[in-house]
Amino acid sequence: MTGMSRETGQALDEAAHISQSIRDILTTPVGSRLMRRTYGSLLPELIDQPANPANRLRLMAAAVMAIIQWEPRVTISNVSLQLAMDGTATIDLTATRRGGQRSGNRLNISVPIQ
């Protein structure tokens, strides 16, 4: 066991715990945590901006910067943004685990952004 599920309280393996952590980082607005004001990402602030190439780049950069700052167990190797016609957005990440027994293993993580 590496962590605990925030929904069920059940044990999570390291990969599932990292995915849960990245989802939490990306969906938490910077400034919303009382005792950790710098925690989170700028994605919630940027997501309602126009879907032009410049803002797509801002969204991807905000995701990578937040993960670099708050999730030391991974290195991001690829990030993409999927925008659907119904207004939903998803950040797709490819990361490599750092340290530990499974160092070097790849993780593919998709995070829906609202």
Protein backbone atom coordinates (compact mmCIF):
# COMPACT_ATOMS: atom_id res chain seq x y z
CA MET A 1 0.00 0.00 0.00
CA THR A 2 1.24 3.47 -0.90
CA GLY A 3 -1.80 5.61 -0.32
CA MET A 4 -5.51 5.78 0.29
CA SER A 5 -8.42 6.47 -2.04
CA ARG A 6 -10.07 9.80 -1.30
CA GLU A 7 -13.49 8.35 -2.29
CA THR A 8 -13.52 4.91 -0.66
CA GLY A 9 -10.71 4.91 1.91
CA GLN A 10 -9.33 1.73 0.34
CA ALA A 11 -5.62 1.12 -0.18
CA LEU A 12 -4.11 2.28 -3.48
CA ASP A 13 -0.97 1.08 -5.20
CA GLU A 14 1.65 3.68 -6.09
CA ALA A 15 0.46 4.25 -9.68
CA ALA A 16 -3.15 4.82 -8.61
CA HIS A 17 -2.02 7.10 -5.80
CA ILE A 18 0.10 9.18 -8.19
CA SER A 19 -2.86 9.47 -10.59
CA GLN A 20 -5.13 10.58 -7.75
CA SER A 21 -2.54 13.12 -6.62
CA ILE A 22 -2.13 14.59 -10.12
CA ARG A 23 -5.91 14.89 -10.53
CA ASP A 24 -6.09 16.73 -7.21
CA ILE A 25 -3.24 19.08 -8.14
CA LEU A 26 -4.68 19.96 -11.55
CA THR A 27 -8.27 20.49 -10.38
CA THR A 28 -7.43 22.58 -7.29
CA PRO A 29 -7.35 26.33 -7.98
CA VAL A 30 -4.22 28.10 -6.72
CA GLY A 31 -5.13 30.07 -3.60
CA SER A 32 -8.04 27.86 -2.55
CA ARG A 33 -6.21 25.83 0.13
CA LEU A 34 -6.19 27.69 3.41
CA MET A 35 -2.89 26.44 4.82
CA ARG A 36 -1.16 25.95 1.44
CA ARG A 37 -2.11 28.90 -0.76
CA THR A 38 0.33 28.05 -3.55
CA TYR A 39 -0.94 24.46 -3.95
CA GLY A 40 -2.85 23.58 -7.13
CA SER A 41 -2.76 24.78 -10.71
CA LEU A 42 -3.97 27.60 -12.91
CA LEU A 43 -6.11 25.23 -15.02
CA PRO A 44 -9.41 26.15 -13.32
CA GLU A 45 -8.70 29.82 -14.07
CA LEU A 46 -7.64 29.23 -17.68
CA ILE A 47 -10.20 26.64 -18.77
CA ASP A 48 -12.94 29.17 -19.59
CA GLN A 49 -10.70 31.21 -21.88
CA PRO A 50 -11.06 30.97 -25.68
CA ALA A 51 -9.89 27.69 -27.23
CA ASN A 52 -7.23 29.32 -29.39
CA PRO A 53 -3.70 27.92 -29.86
CA ALA A 54 -2.14 30.36 -27.38
CA ASN A 55 -4.52 29.40 -24.60
CA ARG A 56 -4.13 25.68 -25.35
CA LEU A 57 -0.39 26.16 -24.81
CA ARG A 58 -1.07 28.06 -21.55
CA LEU A 59 -3.26 25.20 -20.30
CA MET A 60 -0.66 22.54 -21.08
CA ALA A 61 2.14 24.63 -19.54
CA ALA A 62 0.07 25.26 -16.39
CA ALA A 63 -0.48 21.51 -16.02
CA VAL A 64 3.21 20.68 -16.38
CA MET A 65 4.36 23.46 -14.05
CA ALA A 66 1.94 22.40 -11.30
CA ILE A 67 2.98 18.76 -11.54
CA ILE A 68 6.68 19.67 -11.49
CA GLN A 69 6.10 21.70 -8.34
CA TRP A 70 3.80 19.35 -6.42
CA GLU A 71 4.39 15.76 -7.58
CA PRO A 72 8.06 14.76 -7.18
CA ARG A 73 7.39 11.07 -7.94
CA VAL A 74 7.06 11.63 -11.71
CA THR A 75 8.69 13.32 -14.68
CA ILE A 76 6.31 14.48 -17.41
CA SER A 77 7.31 13.41 -20.91
CA ASN A 78 4.17 14.31 -22.87
CA VAL A 79 1.05 16.41 -22.34
CA SER A 80 -1.89 17.03 -24.62
CA LEU A 81 -5.21 18.82 -24.32
CA GLN A 82 -8.40 17.36 -25.78
CA LEU A 83 -11.33 19.75 -26.25
CA ALA A 84 -14.69 18.25 -27.16
CA MET A 85 -17.60 19.95 -28.90
CA ASP A 86 -19.75 19.56 -25.77
CA GLY A 87 -17.39 21.86 -23.85
CA THR A 88 -15.49 19.21 -21.92
CA ALA A 89 -11.72 19.22 -21.71
CA THR A 90 -9.25 16.51 -20.79
CA ILE A 91 -5.55 16.73 -20.07
CA ASP A 92 -3.72 13.56 -21.14
CA LEU A 93 -0.30 13.03 -19.59
CA THR A 94 2.50 10.55 -20.05
CA ALA A 95 4.82 10.45 -17.08
CA THR A 96 7.80 8.40 -15.94
CA ARG A 97 8.05 7.35 -12.32
CA ARG A 98 11.10 8.55 -10.40
CA GLY A 99 12.68 6.73 -7.49
CA GLY A 100 11.42 3.65 -5.72
CA GLN A 101 11.14 0.09 -6.94
CA ARG A 102 9.28 0.94 -10.14
CA SER A 103 11.49 3.82 -11.22
CA GLY A 104 11.34 4.29 -14.98
CA ASN A 105 7.83 2.85 -15.42
CA ARG A 106 5.49 4.91 -17.59
CA LEU A 107 2.09 6.15 -16.47
CA ASN A 108 -0.69 7.38 -18.74
CA ILE A 109 -3.08 9.68 -16.90
CA SER A 110 -6.21 11.43 -18.16
CA VAL A 111 -7.68 14.24 -16.08
CA PRO A 112 -11.08 15.74 -16.98
CA ILE A 113 -11.05 19.50 -16.39
CA GLN A 114 -14.27 21.40 -15.60
